[in-house]
């Protein structure tokens, strides 16, 4: 919070007494959110994490498709075996 207070400046023409109570906290919170979002966009690690998330999602989708396709074939094999038994 100390770092955030150093970065924040009062709007031009406004004084602390002119602002409503609680408004300063909302502005600080919003400013902190915007700063965090901007640093996340600029940061290369955020892009890397997104790439890993996309790769993981693709692996999961492909695995589920493979398991469902394989499951149907295995089921057909067991049905064939069951029908061949007396």
PDB file of N, CA and C in Angstrom:
ATOM      1  N   UNK A   1       0.821  -1.191   0.000  1.00  0.00           N
ATOM      2  CA  UNK A   1       0.000   0.000   0.000  1.00  0.00           C
ATOM      3  C   UNK A   1       0.860   1.247   0.000  1.00  0.00           C
ATOM      4  N   UNK A   2       2.027   1.175   0.635  1.00  0.00           N
ATOM      5  CA  UNK A   2       2.910   2.332   0.676  1.00  0.00           C
ATOM      6  C   UNK A   2       3.384   2.718  -0.712  1.00  0.00           C
ATOM      7  N   UNK A   3       3.697   1.734  -1.551  1.00  0.00           N
ATOM      8  CA  UNK A   3       4.129   1.985  -2.914  1.00  0.00           C
ATOM      9  C   UNK A   3       3.010   2.634  -3.709  1.00  0.00           C
ATOM     10  N   UNK A   4       1.796   2.190  -3.474  1.00  0.00           N
ATOM     11  CA  UNK A   4       0.645   2.740  -4.191  1.00  0.00           C
ATOM     12  C   UNK A   4       0.428   4.195  -3.821  1.00  0.00           C
ATOM     13  N   UNK A   5       0.611   4.538  -2.557  1.00  0.00           N
ATOM     14  CA  UNK A   5       0.414   5.922  -2.129  1.00  0.00           C
ATOM     15  C   UNK A   5       1.442   6.843  -2.753  1.00  0.00           C
ATOM     16  N   UNK A   6       2.654   6.357  -2.961  1.00  0.00           N
ATOM     17  CA  UNK A   6       3.679   7.192  -3.578  1.00  0.00           C
ATOM     18  C   UNK A   6       3.360   7.464  -5.047  1.00  0.00           C
ATOM     19  N   UNK A   7       2.732   6.521  -5.733  1.00  0.00           N
ATOM     20  CA  UNK A   7       2.429   6.680  -7.154  1.00  0.00           C
ATOM     21  C   UNK A   7       1.213   7.563  -7.387  1.00  0.00           C
ATOM     22  N   UNK A   8       0.302   7.583  -6.436  1.00  0.00           N
ATOM     23  CA  UNK A   8      -0.967   8.268  -6.633  1.00  0.00           C
ATOM     24  C   UNK A   8      -0.819   9.756  -6.397  1.00  0.00           C
ATOM     25  N   UNK A   9      -1.458  10.577  -7.254  1.00  0.00           N
ATOM     26  CA  UNK A   9      -1.436  12.027  -7.095  1.00  0.00           C
ATOM     27  C   UNK A   9      -2.868  12.529  -7.123  1.00  0.00           C
ATOM     28  N   UNK A  10      -3.096  13.590  -6.416  1.00  0.00           N
ATOM     29  CA  UNK A  10      -4.424  14.189  -6.391  1.00  0.00           C
ATOM     30  C   UNK A  10      -4.742  14.783  -7.755  1.00  0.00           C
ATOM     31  N   UNK A  11      -6.020  14.705  -8.201  1.00  0.00           N
ATOM     32  CA  UNK A  11      -6.399  15.314  -9.468  1.00  0.00           C
ATOM     33  C   UNK A  11      -6.172  16.821  -9.428  1.00  0.00           C
ATOM     34  N   UNK A  12      -5.890  17.400 -10.583  1.00  0.00           N
ATOM     35  CA  UNK A  12      -5.622  18.836 -10.667  1.00  0.00           C
ATOM     36  C   UNK A  12      -6.842  19.617 -10.201  1.00  0.00           C
ATOM     37  N   UNK A  13      -6.616  20.610  -9.344  1.00  0.00           N
ATOM     38  CA  UNK A  13      -7.697  21.468  -8.876  1.00  0.00           C
ATOM     39  C   UNK A  13      -8.516  20.883  -7.746  1.00  0.00           C
ATOM     40  N   UNK A  14      -8.169  19.718  -7.265  1.00  0.00           N
ATOM     41  CA  UNK A  14      -8.923  19.080  -6.181  1.00  0.00           C
ATOM     42  C   UNK A  14      -8.059  19.077  -4.918  1.00  0.00           C
ATOM     43  N   UNK A  15      -8.701  19.210  -3.793  1.00  0.00           N
ATOM     44  CA  UNK A  15      -7.993  19.092  -2.528  1.00  0.00           C
ATOM     45  C   UNK A  15      -8.584  17.930  -1.752  1.00  0.00           C
ATOM     46  N   UNK A  16      -7.886  17.500  -0.732  1.00  0.00           N
ATOM     47  CA  UNK A  16      -8.377  16.385   0.062  1.00  0.00           C
ATOM     48  C   UNK A  16      -9.715  16.711   0.707  1.00  0.00           C
ATOM     49  N   UNK A  17      -9.875  17.920   1.150  1.00  0.00           N
ATOM     50  CA  UNK A  17     -11.118  18.279   1.821  1.00  0.00           C
ATOM     51  C   UNK A  17     -12.284  18.364   0.851  1.00  0.00           C
ATOM     52  N   UNK A  18     -12.018  18.604  -0.427  1.00  0.00           N
ATOM     53  CA  UNK A  18     -13.092  18.721  -1.412  1.00  0.00           C
ATOM     54  C   UNK A  18     -13.626  17.366  -1.843  1.00  0.00           C
ATOM     55  N   UNK A  19     -12.847  16.335  -1.629  1.00  0.00           N
ATOM     56  CA  UNK A  19     -13.273  15.005  -2.065  1.00  0.00           C
ATOM     57  C   UNK A  19     -14.136  14.348  -0.997  1.00  0.00           C
ATOM     58  N   UNK A  20     -15.094  13.569  -1.429  1.00  0.00           N
ATOM     59  CA  UNK A  20     -15.970  12.853  -0.500  1.00  0.00           C
ATOM     60  C   UNK A  20     -15.185  11.769   0.220  1.00  0.00           C
ATOM     61  N   UNK A  21     -15.579  11.456   1.460  1.00  0.00           N
ATOM     62  CA  UNK A  21     -14.920  10.339   2.161  1.00  0.00           C
ATOM     63  C   UNK A  21     -15.202   9.035   1.422  1.00  0.00           C
ATOM     64  N   UNK A  22     -14.219   8.192   1.304  1.00  0.00           N
ATOM     65  CA  UNK A  22     -14.375   6.912   0.626  1.00  0.00           C
ATOM     66  C   UNK A  22     -14.045   6.975  -0.852  1.00  0.00           C
ATOM     67  N   UNK A  23     -14.130   8.156  -1.435  1.00  0.00           N
ATOM     68  CA  UNK A  23     -13.838   8.287  -2.863  1.00  0.00           C
ATOM     69  C   UNK A  23     -12.363   8.035  -3.128  1.00  0.00           C
ATOM     70  N   UNK A  24     -11.513   8.495  -2.216  1.00  0.00           N
ATOM     71  CA  UNK A  24     -10.075   8.316  -2.388  1.00  0.00           C
ATOM     72  C   UNK A  24      -9.717   6.832  -2.414  1.00  0.00           C
ATOM     73  N   UNK A  25     -10.332   6.046  -1.537  1.00  0.00           N
ATOM     74  CA  UNK A  25     -10.040   4.623  -1.500  1.00  0.00           C
ATOM     75  C   UNK A  25     -10.472   3.948  -2.804  1.00  0.00           C
ATOM     76  N   UNK A  26     -11.629   4.353  -3.339  1.00  0.00           N
ATOM     77  CA  UNK A  26     -12.104   3.772  -4.597  1.00  0.00           C
ATOM     78  C   UNK A  26     -11.164   4.126  -5.741  1.00  0.00           C
ATOM     79  N   UNK A  27     -10.710   5.386  -5.755  1.00  0.00           N
ATOM     80  CA  UNK A  27      -9.784   5.795  -6.814  1.00  0.00           C
ATOM     81  C   UNK A  27      -8.462   5.049  -6.691  1.00  0.00           C
ATOM     82  N   UNK A  28      -7.983   4.889  -5.453  1.00  0.00           N
ATOM     83  CA  UNK A  28      -6.734   4.157  -5.250  1.00  0.00           C
ATOM     84  C   UNK A  28      -6.877   2.703  -5.686  1.00  0.00           C
ATOM     85  N   UNK A  29      -8.016   2.098  -5.352  1.00  0.00           N
ATOM     86  CA  UNK A  29      -8.241   0.708  -5.720  1.00  0.00           C
ATOM     87  C   UNK A  29      -8.310   0.569  -7.232  1.00  0.00           C
ATOM     88  N   UNK A  30      -9.029   1.450  -7.900  1.00  0.00           N
ATOM     89  CA  UNK A  30      -9.154   1.382  -9.354  1.00  0.00           C
ATOM     90  C   UNK A  30      -7.809   1.651 -10.021  1.00  0.00           C
ATOM     91  N   UNK A  31      -7.084   2.622  -9.498  1.00  0.00           N
ATOM     92  CA  UNK A  31      -5.769   2.939 -10.065  1.00  0.00           C
ATOM     93  C   UNK A  31      -4.823   1.747  -9.893  1.00  0.00           C
ATOM     94  N   UNK A  32      -4.871   1.102  -8.728  1.00  0.00           N
ATOM     95  CA  UNK A  32      -4.029  -0.073  -8.496  1.00  0.00           C
ATOM     96  C   UNK A  32      -4.402  -1.189  -9.467  1.00  0.00           C
ATOM     97  N   UNK A  33      -5.703  -1.387  -9.694  1.00  0.00           N
ATOM     98  CA  UNK A  33      -6.145  -2.411 -10.641  1.00  0.00           C
ATOM     99  C   UNK A  33      -5.642  -2.099 -12.048  1.00  0.00           C
ATOM    100  N   UNK A  34      -5.778  -0.855 -12.469  1.00  0.00           N
ATOM    101  CA  UNK A  34      -5.335  -0.467 -13.814  1.00  0.00           C
ATOM    102  C   UNK A  34      -3.824  -0.652 -13.942  1.00  0.00           C
ATOM    103  N   UNK A  35      -3.080  -0.260 -12.908  1.00  0.00           N
ATOM    104  CA  UNK A  35      -1.621  -0.432 -12.955  1.00  0.00           C
ATOM    105  C   UNK A  35      -1.230  -1.902 -13.023  1.00  0.00           C
ATOM    106  N   UNK A  36      -1.909  -2.733 -12.244  1.00  0.00           N
ATOM    107  CA  UNK A  36      -1.620  -4.168 -12.285  1.00  0.00           C
ATOM    108  C   UNK A  36      -1.950  -4.753 -13.653  1.00  0.00           C
ATOM    109  N   UNK A  37      -3.064  -4.333 -14.232  1.00  0.00           N
ATOM    110  CA  UNK A  37      -3.468  -4.825 -15.547  1.00  0.00           C
ATOM    111  C   UNK A  37      -2.466  -4.398 -16.612  1.00  0.00           C
ATOM    112  N   UNK A  38      -2.029  -3.138 -16.560  1.00  0.00           N
ATOM    113  CA  UNK A  38      -1.040  -2.663 -17.530  1.00  0.00           C
ATOM    114  C   UNK A  38       0.277  -3.428 -17.405  1.00  0.00           C
ATOM    115  N   UNK A  39       0.723  -3.663 -16.168  1.00  0.00           N
ATOM    116  CA  UNK A  39       1.981  -4.395 -15.998  1.00  0.00           C
ATOM    117  C   UNK A  39       1.838  -5.843 -16.443  1.00  0.00           C
ATOM    118  N   UNK A  40       0.654  -6.431 -16.253  1.00  0.00           N
ATOM    119  CA  UNK A  40       0.413  -7.802 -16.721  1.00  0.00           C
ATOM    120  C   UNK A  40       0.473  -7.872 -18.244  1.00  0.00           C
ATOM    121  N   UNK A  41      -0.118  -6.874 -18.916  1.00  0.00           N
ATOM    122  CA  UNK A  41      -0.102  -6.847 -20.387  1.00  0.00           C
ATOM    123  C   UNK A  41       1.319  -6.679 -20.906  1.00  0.00           C
ATOM    124  N   UNK A  42       2.109  -5.823 -20.248  1.00  0.00           N
ATOM    125  CA  UNK A  42       3.483  -5.592 -20.691  1.00  0.00           C
ATOM    126  C   UNK A  42       4.420  -6.748 -20.361  1.00  0.00           C
ATOM    127  N   UNK A  43       4.085  -7.525 -19.361  1.00  0.00           N
ATOM    128  CA  UNK A  43       4.961  -8.582 -18.869  1.00  0.00           C
ATOM    129  C   UNK A  43       4.938  -9.780 -19.818  1.00  0.00           C
ATOM    130  N   UNK A  44       6.092 -10.293 -20.152  1.00  0.00           N
ATOM    131  CA  UNK A  44       6.204 -11.454 -21.041  1.00  0.00           C
ATOM    132  C   UNK A  44       5.758 -12.737 -20.353  1.00  0.00           C
ATOM    133  N   UNK A  45       5.866 -12.806 -19.034  1.00  0.00           N
ATOM    134  CA  UNK A  45       5.457 -14.009 -18.328  1.00  0.00           C
ATOM    135  C   UNK A  45       3.957 -14.227 -18.443  1.00  0.00           C
ATOM    136  N   UNK A  46       3.188 -13.159 -18.546  1.00  0.00           N
ATOM    137  CA  UNK A  46       1.749 -13.289 -18.732  1.00  0.00           C
ATOM    138  C   UNK A  46       1.434 -13.959 -20.058  1.00  0.00           C
ATOM    139  N   UNK A  47       2.175 -13.601 -21.099  1.00  0.00           N
ATOM    140  CA  UNK A  47       1.977 -14.228 -22.405  1.00  0.00           C
ATOM    141  C   UNK A  47       2.363 -15.701 -22.353  1.00  0.00           C
ATOM    142  N   UNK A  48       3.417 -16.015 -21.660  1.00  0.00           N
ATOM    143  CA  UNK A  48       3.848 -17.398 -21.543  1.00  0.00           C
ATOM    144  C   UNK A  48       2.818 -18.227 -20.793  1.00  0.00           C
ATOM    145  N   UNK A  49       2.260 -17.682 -19.730  1.00  0.00           N
ATOM    146  CA  UNK A  49       1.236 -18.395 -18.968  1.00  0.00           C
ATOM    147  C   UNK A  49       0.003 -18.635 -19.837  1.00  0.00           C
ATOM    148  N   UNK A  50      -0.348 -17.667 -20.655  1.00  0.00           N
ATOM    149  CA  UNK A  50      -1.493 -17.820 -21.549  1.00  0.00           C
ATOM    150  C   UNK A  50      -1.215 -18.906 -22.585  1.00  0.00           C
ATOM    151  N   UNK A  51      -0.022 -18.929 -23.117  1.00  0.00           N
ATOM    152  CA  UNK A  51       0.328 -19.957 -24.096  1.00  0.00           C
ATOM    153  C   UNK A  51       0.260 -21.349 -23.475  1.00  0.00           C
ATOM    154  N   UNK A  52       0.752 -21.484 -22.252  1.00  0.00           N
ATOM    155  CA  UNK A  52       0.671 -22.775 -21.568  1.00  0.00           C
ATOM    156  C   UNK A  52      -0.775 -23.170 -21.313  1.00  0.00           C
ATOM    157  N   UNK A  53      -1.617 -22.212 -20.967  1.00  0.00           N
ATOM    158  CA  UNK A  53      -3.029 -22.509 -20.723  1.00  0.00           C
ATOM    159  C   UNK A  53      -3.713 -22.977 -22.003  1.00  0.00           C
ATOM    160  N   UNK A  54      -3.389 -22.359 -23.127  1.00  0.00           N
ATOM    161  CA  UNK A  54      -3.974 -22.771 -24.413  1.00  0.00           C
ATOM    162  C   UNK A  54      -3.487 -24.166 -24.787  1.00  0.00           C
ATOM    163  N   UNK A  55      -2.193 -24.429 -24.594  1.00  0.00           N
ATOM    164  CA  UNK A  55      -1.670 -25.767 -24.895  1.00  0.00           C
ATOM    165  C   UNK A  55      -2.325 -26.823 -24.017  1.00  0.00           C
ATOM    166  N   UNK A  56      -2.502 -26.520 -22.745  1.00  0.00           N
ATOM    167  CA  UNK A  56      -3.140 -27.462 -21.830  1.00  0.00           C
ATOM    168  C   UNK A  56      -4.584 -27.727 -22.246  1.00  0.00           C
ATOM    169  N   UNK A  57      -5.298 -26.686 -22.637  1.00  0.00           N
ATOM    170  CA  UNK A  57      -6.682 -26.862 -23.089  1.00  0.00           C
ATOM    171  C   UNK A  57      -6.735 -27.741 -24.336  1.00  0.00           C
ATOM    172  N   UNK A  58      -5.824 -27.535 -25.272  1.00  0.00           N
ATOM    173  CA  UNK A  58      -5.795 -28.364 -26.481  1.00  0.00           C
ATOM    174  C   UNK A  58      -5.463 -29.821 -26.150  1.00  0.00           C
ATOM    175  N   UNK A  59      -4.530 -30.036 -25.246  1.00  0.00           N
ATOM    176  CA  UNK A  59      -4.191 -31.408 -24.845  1.00  0.00           C
ATOM    177  C   UNK A  59      -5.394 -32.085 -24.209  1.00  0.00           C
ATOM    178  N   UNK A  60      -6.125 -31.365 -23.371  1.00  0.00           N
ATOM    179  CA  UNK A  60      -7.306 -31.940 -22.730  1.00  0.00           C
ATOM    180  C   UNK A  60      -8.375 -32.289 -23.752  1.00  0.00           C
ATOM    181  N   UNK A  61      -8.618 -31.393 -24.711  1.00  0.00           N
ATOM    182  CA  UNK A  61      -9.634 -31.649 -25.740  1.00  0.00           C
ATOM    183  C   UNK A  61      -9.252 -32.854 -26.584  1.00  0.00           C
ATOM    184  N   UNK A  62      -7.996 -32.930 -27.005  1.00  0.00           N
ATOM    185  CA  UNK A  62      -7.541 -34.055 -27.823  1.00  0.00           C
ATOM    186  C   UNK A  62      -7.608 -35.356 -27.026  1.00  0.00           C
ATOM    187  N   UNK A  63      -7.229 -35.308 -25.749  1.00  0.00           N
ATOM    188  CA  UNK A  63      -7.296 -36.510 -24.915  1.00  0.00           C
ATOM    189  C   UNK A  63      -8.733 -36.994 -24.758  1.00  0.00           C
ATOM    190  N   UNK A  64      -9.648 -36.074 -24.496  1.00  0.00           N
ATOM    191  CA  UNK A  64     -11.048 -36.467 -24.353  1.00  0.00           C
ATOM    192  C   UNK A  64     -11.610 -37.047 -25.645  1.00  0.00           C
ATOM    193  N   UNK A  65     -11.254 -36.455 -26.767  1.00  0.00           N
ATOM    194  CA  UNK A  65     -11.725 -36.985 -28.048  1.00  0.00           C
ATOM    195  C   UNK A  65     -11.159 -38.385 -28.291  1.00  0.00           C
ATOM    196  N   UNK A  66      -9.879 -38.566 -27.995  1.00  0.00           N
ATOM    197  CA  UNK A  66      -9.254 -39.885 -28.171  1.00  0.00           C
ATOM    198  C   UNK A  66      -9.846 -40.928 -27.248  1.00  0.00           C
ATOM    199  N   UNK A  67     -10.077 -40.561 -25.997  1.00  0.00           N
ATOM    200  CA  UNK A  67     -10.649 -41.508 -25.046  1.00  0.00           C
ATOM    201  C   UNK A  67     -12.065 -41.895 -25.442  1.00  0.00           C
ATOM    202  N   UNK A  68     -12.861 -40.919 -25.884  1.00  0.00           N
ATOM    203  CA  UNK A  68     -14.239 -41.250 -26.276  1.00  0.00           C
ATOM    204  C   UNK A  68     -14.257 -42.127 -27.527  1.00  0.00           C
ATOM    205  N   UNK A  69     -13.387 -41.861 -28.494  1.00  0.00           N
ATOM    206  CA  UNK A  69     -13.323 -42.692 -29.703  1.00  0.00           C
ATOM    207  C   UNK A  69     -12.827 -44.096 -29.357  1.00  0.00           C
ATOM    208  N   UNK A  70     -11.824 -44.185 -28.540  1.00  0.00           N
ATOM    209  CA  UNK A  70     -11.287 -45.482 -28.137  1.00  0.00           C
ATOM    210  C   UNK A  70     -12.295 -46.247 -27.281  1.00  0.00           C
ATOM    211  N   UNK A  71     -13.021 -45.518 -26.447  1.00  0.00           N
ATOM    212  CA  UNK A  71     -14.026 -46.151 -25.597  1.00  0.00           C
ATOM    213  C   UNK A  71     -15.116 -46.836 -26.399  1.00  0.00           C
ATOM    214  N   UNK A  72     -15.535 -46.232 -27.495  1.00  0.00           N
ATOM    215  CA  UNK A  72     -16.559 -46.840 -28.349  1.00  0.00           C
ATOM    216  C   UNK A  72     -16.034 -48.125 -28.992  1.00  0.00           C
ATOM    217  N   UNK A  73     -14.779 -48.105 -29.433  1.00  0.00           N
ATOM    218  CA  UNK A  73     -14.206 -49.298 -30.055  1.00  0.00           C
ATOM    219  C   UNK A  73     -14.064 -50.430 -29.042  1.00  0.00           C
ATOM    220  N   UNK A  74     -13.616 -50.101 -27.845  1.00  0.00           N
ATOM    221  CA  UNK A  74     -13.469 -51.113 -26.795  1.00  0.00           C
ATOM    222  C   UNK A  74     -14.834 -51.685 -26.439  1.00  0.00           C
ATOM    223  N   UNK A  75     -15.823 -50.849 -26.384  1.00  0.00           N
ATOM    224  CA  UNK A  75     -17.184 -51.303 -26.091  1.00  0.00           C
ATOM    225  C   UNK A  75     -17.671 -52.254 -27.180  1.00  0.00           C
ATOM    226  N   UNK A  76     -17.391 -51.922 -28.433  1.00  0.00           N
ATOM    227  CA  UNK A  76     -17.787 -52.800 -29.540  1.00  0.00           C
ATOM    228  C   UNK A  76     -17.095 -54.160 -29.443  1.00  0.00           C
ATOM    229  N   UNK A  77     -15.825 -54.171 -29.050  1.00  0.00           N
ATOM    230  CA  UNK A  77     -15.082 -55.425 -28.902  1.00  0.00           C
ATOM    231  C   UNK A  77     -15.728 -56.288 -27.820  1.00  0.00           C
ATOM    232  N   UNK A  78     -16.081 -55.701 -26.684  1.00  0.00           N
ATOM    233  CA  UNK A  78     -16.714 -56.464 -25.612  1.00  0.00           C
ATOM    234  C   UNK A  78     -18.096 -56.970 -26.024  1.00  0.00           C
ATOM    235  N   UNK A  79     -18.835 -56.207 -26.806  1.00  0.00           N
ATOM    236  CA  UNK A  79     -20.133 -56.654 -27.299  1.00  0.00           C
ATOM    237  C   UNK A  79     -19.954 -57.845 -28.232  1.00  0.00           C
ATOM    238  N   UNK A  80     -18.942 -57.796 -29.102  1.00  0.00           N
ATOM    239  CA  UNK A  80     -18.649 -58.899 -30.003  1.00  0.00           C
ATOM    240  C   UNK A  80     -18.259 -60.159 -29.223  1.00  0.00           C
ATOM    241  N   UNK A  81     -17.440 -59.999 -28.199  1.00  0.00           N
ATOM    242  CA  UNK A  81     -17.034 -61.129 -27.371  1.00  0.00           C
ATOM    243  C   UNK A  81     -18.230 -61.714 -26.647  1.00  0.00           C
ATOM    244  N   UNK A  82     -19.084 -60.852 -26.123  1.00  0.00           N
ATOM    245  CA  UNK A  82     -20.261 -61.319 -25.386  1.00  0.00           C
ATOM    246  C   UNK A  82     -21.222 -62.086 -26.321  1.00  0.00           C
ATOM    247  N   UNK A  83     -21.375 -61.597 -27.535  1.00  0.00           N
ATOM    248  CA  UNK A  83     -22.282 -62.273 -28.463  1.00  0.00           C
ATOM    249  C   UNK A  83     -21.695 -63.590 -28.960  1.00  0.00           C
ATOM    250  N   UNK A  84     -20.363 -63.731 -28.955  1.00  0.00           N
ATOM    251  CA  UNK A  84     -19.724 -64.970 -29.399  1.00  0.00           C
ATOM    252  C   UNK A  84     -19.773 -66.052 -28.322  1.00  0.00           C
ATOM    253  N   UNK A  85     -19.993 -65.663 -27.087  1.00  0.00           N
ATOM    254  CA  UNK A  85     -20.048 -66.640 -25.983  1.00  0.00           C
ATOM    255  C   UNK A  85     -21.406 -67.342 -25.994  1.00  0.00           C
ATOM    256  N   UNK A  86     -21.387 -68.675 -25.668  1.00  0.00           N
ATOM    257  CA  UNK A  86     -22.657 -69.420 -25.679  1.00  0.00           C
ATOM    258  C   UNK A  86     -23.584 -69.056 -24.543  1.00  0.00           C
TER     259      UNK A  86
END
